[in-house]
């Protein structure tokens, strides 16, 4: 069902840019054949997500219906809720991890390289009164700080920094547990 909603979103995006888009253009933008797009459009019309109208004898126009918009909105809200719940879970785990490190005397958190969840790390450090420092991957490891390597670094860099004592953020998040 999610791939159908992704296709519906793709159609909506195409129609927003090109209101009289042909079935060929809709298919090209969705990365599918014209025949498959034809079948998808028929299914979406049956569900009430898309409305067809004749422009002339040879040309149809397509429009996303209120039901189609409602479906896209509902899916967007579900995605947002899942994303927020996941971010909250990651935040809880990171706060616990940083709090445990603080109890061991680590009052500085060093992030080596880049991370998608840097904002969560900064937030956790702020609420726990721990200094957050961003470091380059070539900087020496601060032995007095709690050090982690960001998941956006090259795998070789991650392995190298792990061998020097940095925690791998991706492993922490994937494991869903602290040390």
Protein backbone atom coordinates (compact mmCIF):
# COMPACT_ATOMS: atom_id res chain seq x y z
CA UNK A 1 0.00 0.00 0.00
CA UNK A 2 2.89 2.39 0.72
CA UNK A 3 4.17 2.10 -2.85
CA UNK A 4 0.70 3.04 -4.09
CA UNK A 5 0.68 6.11 -1.89
CA UNK A 6 4.18 6.97 -3.15
CA UNK A 7 2.85 6.66 -6.71
CA UNK A 8 -0.15 8.82 -5.82
CA UNK A 9 2.21 11.43 -4.35
CA UNK A 10 4.32 11.29 -7.52
CA UNK A 11 1.21 11.83 -9.65
CA UNK A 12 0.14 14.73 -7.42
CA UNK A 13 3.59 16.33 -7.72
CA UNK A 14 3.56 15.94 -11.50
CA UNK A 15 0.05 17.40 -11.80
CA UNK A 16 1.04 20.32 -9.60
CA UNK A 17 3.85 21.20 -12.02
CA UNK A 18 1.98 20.21 -15.18
CA UNK A 19 -1.82 20.25 -14.65
CA UNK A 20 -2.51 18.78 -18.11
CA UNK A 21 0.18 16.08 -17.84
CA UNK A 22 -0.26 13.15 -20.19
CA UNK A 23 -0.38 9.56 -19.07
CA UNK A 24 3.05 9.20 -20.71
CA UNK A 25 4.51 12.00 -18.55
CA UNK A 26 2.90 10.58 -15.41
CA UNK A 27 4.43 7.18 -16.23
CA UNK A 28 7.87 8.65 -16.96
CA UNK A 29 7.92 10.63 -13.72
CA UNK A 30 6.81 7.59 -11.73
CA UNK A 31 9.39 5.36 -13.43
CA UNK A 32 6.87 2.91 -14.86
CA UNK A 33 5.48 1.85 -18.21
CA UNK A 34 2.45 3.55 -19.75
CA UNK A 35 0.50 0.29 -19.46
CA UNK A 36 1.23 0.01 -15.76
CA UNK A 37 0.37 3.69 -15.24
CA UNK A 38 -2.92 3.09 -17.06
CA UNK A 39 -3.75 0.24 -14.65
CA UNK A 40 -2.69 2.33 -11.63
CA UNK A 41 -4.82 5.28 -12.75
CA UNK A 42 -7.85 3.00 -13.20
CA UNK A 43 -7.33 1.57 -9.69
CA UNK A 44 -6.95 5.08 -8.24
CA UNK A 45 -10.12 6.23 -10.01
CA UNK A 46 -11.99 3.22 -8.52
CA UNK A 47 -10.73 4.18 -5.05
CA UNK A 48 -11.80 7.77 -5.61
CA UNK A 49 -8.26 9.15 -5.33
CA UNK A 50 -8.12 10.48 -8.91
CA UNK A 51 -10.73 12.01 -11.17
CA UNK A 52 -10.61 11.81 -14.96
CA UNK A 53 -12.13 14.31 -17.31
CA UNK A 54 -12.07 14.74 -21.08
CA UNK A 55 -10.15 17.73 -22.40
CA UNK A 56 -11.02 16.72 -25.98
CA UNK A 57 -11.72 13.47 -27.84
CA UNK A 58 -8.11 12.27 -27.53
CA UNK A 59 -6.92 13.86 -24.29
CA UNK A 60 -7.81 13.12 -20.70
CA UNK A 61 -6.94 15.26 -17.73
CA UNK A 62 -6.29 13.93 -14.27
CA UNK A 63 -6.88 15.52 -10.89
CA UNK A 64 -6.28 14.38 -7.36
CA UNK A 65 -9.62 14.23 -5.54
CA UNK A 66 -10.27 15.33 -1.96
CA UNK A 67 -10.20 11.62 -1.03
CA UNK A 68 -6.77 11.31 -2.67
CA UNK A 69 -5.52 14.36 -0.80
CA UNK A 70 -6.96 12.96 2.43
CA UNK A 71 -5.10 9.67 1.83
CA UNK A 72 -1.82 11.52 1.23
CA UNK A 73 -2.38 13.66 4.32
CA UNK A 74 -3.19 10.66 6.51
CA UNK A 75 -0.07 8.85 5.32
CA UNK A 76 2.05 11.95 5.92
CA UNK A 77 0.71 12.23 9.44
CA UNK A 78 1.38 8.55 10.12
CA UNK A 79 4.92 8.97 8.82
CA UNK A 80 5.43 12.05 11.00
CA UNK A 81 4.14 10.24 14.09
CA UNK A 82 6.45 7.28 13.47
CA UNK A 83 9.38 9.62 12.86
CA UNK A 84 8.70 11.61 16.04
CA UNK A 85 8.34 8.42 18.08
CA UNK A 86 11.62 7.13 16.68
CA UNK A 87 13.40 10.43 17.37
CA UNK A 88 12.03 10.39 20.93
CA UNK A 89 13.27 6.83 21.41
CA UNK A 90 16.72 7.76 20.08
CA UNK A 91 16.74 10.83 22.32
CA UNK A 92 15.93 8.73 25.40
CA UNK A 93 18.70 6.28 24.55
CA UNK A 94 21.25 9.02 23.90
CA UNK A 95 20.31 10.83 27.12
CA UNK A 96 20.81 7.63 29.07
CA UNK A 97 24.15 7.01 27.38
CA UNK A 98 25.41 10.56 27.97
CA UNK A 99 24.07 10.55 31.54
CA UNK A 100 25.95 7.31 32.27
CA UNK A 101 29.13 8.81 30.82
CA UNK A 102 28.63 11.93 32.96
CA UNK A 103 28.33 9.74 36.07
CA UNK A 104 31.74 8.35 35.11
CA UNK A 105 33.16 11.89 35.08
CA UNK A 106 32.86 12.69 31.38
CA UNK A 107 31.56 16.27 31.15
CA UNK A 108 32.34 16.71 27.44
CA UNK A 109 30.83 14.91 24.47
CA UNK A 110 32.86 14.88 21.25
CA UNK A 111 31.27 14.00 17.93
CA UNK A 112 33.81 13.04 15.29
CA UNK A 113 32.57 13.66 11.77
CA UNK A 114 28.97 14.08 10.64
CA UNK A 115 25.71 12.65 11.94
CA UNK A 116 22.05 12.94 10.99
CA UNK A 117 21.20 12.89 14.68
CA UNK A 118 23.59 15.65 15.73
CA UNK A 119 20.59 17.74 16.80
CA UNK A 120 19.58 15.00 19.26
CA UNK A 121 23.12 14.84 20.63
CA UNK A 122 23.27 18.61 21.08
CA UNK A 123 19.88 18.55 22.82
CA UNK A 124 20.85 15.67 25.13
CA UNK A 125 24.07 17.48 26.08
CA UNK A 126 22.17 20.70 26.77
CA UNK A 127 19.62 19.11 29.10
CA UNK A 128 22.33 17.11 30.89
CA UNK A 129 24.71 20.08 31.16
CA UNK A 130 27.45 18.35 29.16
CA UNK A 131 29.64 20.31 26.76
CA UNK A 132 29.11 19.31 23.12
CA UNK A 133 32.09 19.60 20.77
CA UNK A 134 32.16 18.76 17.10
CA UNK A 135 35.52 17.42 15.94
CA UNK A 136 37.03 16.67 12.57
CA UNK A 137 37.72 13.00 11.88
CA UNK A 138 41.47 13.73 11.83
CA UNK A 139 41.49 15.42 15.25
CA UNK A 140 43.09 13.44 18.09
CA UNK A 141 40.72 11.52 20.34
CA UNK A 142 39.97 13.37 23.57
CA UNK A 143 40.58 10.71 26.22
CA UNK A 144 38.82 12.80 28.88
CA UNK A 145 35.60 13.10 26.86
CA UNK A 146 32.82 10.78 25.83
CA UNK A 147 33.59 10.30 22.12
CA UNK A 148 31.38 9.05 19.32
CA UNK A 149 31.83 8.78 15.57
CA UNK A 150 28.99 9.93 13.34
CA UNK A 151 27.23 7.45 11.07
CA UNK A 152 27.73 9.62 7.96
CA UNK A 153 31.45 8.98 7.88
CA UNK A 154 33.10 6.50 5.54
CA UNK A 155 33.10 2.96 6.93
CA UNK A 156 36.92 2.91 7.11
CA UNK A 157 36.90 6.13 9.12
CA UNK A 158 34.25 4.73 11.47
CA UNK A 159 36.26 1.55 12.06
CA UNK A 160 39.45 3.55 12.61
CA UNK A 161 37.83 5.86 15.15
CA UNK A 162 36.14 2.92 16.89
CA UNK A 163 39.55 1.28 17.29
CA UNK A 164 40.72 4.49 19.00
CA UNK A 165 37.88 4.42 21.53
CA UNK A 166 34.97 6.21 19.87
CA UNK A 167 31.51 4.71 20.03
CA UNK A 168 29.76 4.16 16.70
CA UNK A 169 26.45 6.06 16.78
CA UNK A 170 24.92 3.72 14.22
CA UNK A 171 25.64 0.71 16.44
CA UNK A 172 24.18 2.49 19.44
CA UNK A 173 20.98 3.35 17.58
CA UNK A 174 20.67 -0.07 15.90
CA UNK A 175 21.23 -1.92 19.14
CA UNK A 176 18.70 0.25 20.93
CA UNK A 177 20.68 -0.12 24.11
CA UNK A 178 23.51 1.57 25.93
CA UNK A 179 26.90 0.04 26.56
